[in-house]
Protein backbone atom coordinates (compact mmCIF):
# COMPACT_ATOMS: atom_id res chain seq x y z
CA MET A 1 84.75 54.24 91.13
CA THR A 2 87.01 51.56 89.67
CA SER A 3 88.54 50.86 93.10
CA ALA A 4 85.20 49.37 94.21
CA LEU A 5 85.11 46.96 91.27
CA LYS A 6 85.53 43.24 91.90
CA TRP A 7 87.99 42.03 89.28
CA PHE A 8 88.20 38.46 88.01
CA LYS A 9 90.65 36.89 85.61
CA SER A 10 89.52 35.67 82.22
CA SER A 11 89.15 31.90 81.96
CA TYR A 12 91.41 32.12 78.91
CA SER A 13 94.25 33.71 80.89
CA SER A 14 96.93 31.73 82.66
CA ASN A 15 99.52 32.64 85.26
CA ASP A 16 102.32 31.55 82.93
CA GLY A 17 101.69 33.66 79.87
CA PRO A 18 102.21 37.34 79.14
CA ASP A 19 98.61 37.90 78.02
CA CYS A 20 96.36 38.10 81.07
CA VAL A 21 93.06 39.93 81.19
CA GLU A 22 90.85 40.85 84.12
CA VAL A 23 87.23 41.92 83.86
CA ALA A 24 84.89 43.69 86.28
CA ILE A 25 81.27 44.75 85.96
CA ALA A 26 80.20 48.03 87.54
CA PRO A 27 77.04 47.28 89.53
CA ALA A 28 75.59 50.77 89.11
CA ASP A 29 75.38 50.80 85.33
CA ALA A 30 76.50 47.36 84.05
CA THR A 31 79.60 48.84 82.43
CA VAL A 32 82.22 46.16 81.73
CA HIS A 33 85.79 47.14 82.61
CA VAL A 34 88.84 45.34 81.18
CA ARG A 35 92.45 45.65 82.31
CA ASP A 36 95.82 43.94 82.05
CA SER A 37 96.24 41.75 85.12
CA LYS A 38 100.03 41.97 84.92
CA ASN A 39 99.93 45.77 85.29
CA THR A 40 96.70 46.81 86.99
CA GLN A 41 97.73 50.47 87.36
CA ARG A 42 97.71 51.12 83.61
CA ALA A 43 94.75 52.29 81.58
CA GLN A 44 91.52 50.32 81.55
CA LEU A 45 88.89 49.92 78.89
CA ALA A 46 85.20 50.37 79.67
CA PHE A 47 82.32 49.07 77.55
CA ALA A 48 78.59 49.61 77.76
CA ASP A 49 76.85 46.26 78.27
CA ALA A 50 75.48 46.19 74.70
CA SER A 51 78.91 46.89 73.20
CA TRP A 52 80.47 44.17 75.35
CA ALA A 53 77.82 41.65 74.30
CA GLU A 54 78.47 42.49 70.64
CA PHE A 55 82.23 42.07 71.13
CA VAL A 56 81.83 38.70 72.88
CA ALA A 57 79.48 37.45 70.16
CA PHE A 58 82.02 38.50 67.50
CA ALA A 59 85.00 37.00 69.37
CA SER A 60 83.16 33.73 69.95
CA TYR A 61 82.36 33.34 66.27
């Protein structure tokens, strides 16, 4: 399933730094997937849309 995801890089990530994050949203169930853009074959995190919204609200505070 994750191979069909369309990944995009976080606006806070740069090509120069070691900390790069990519995010994709699964169209079937609105699950948000997060991975390290420097090593895309490693483990990914997946969040239900409500959990992701809560995280973003907390991180933006």
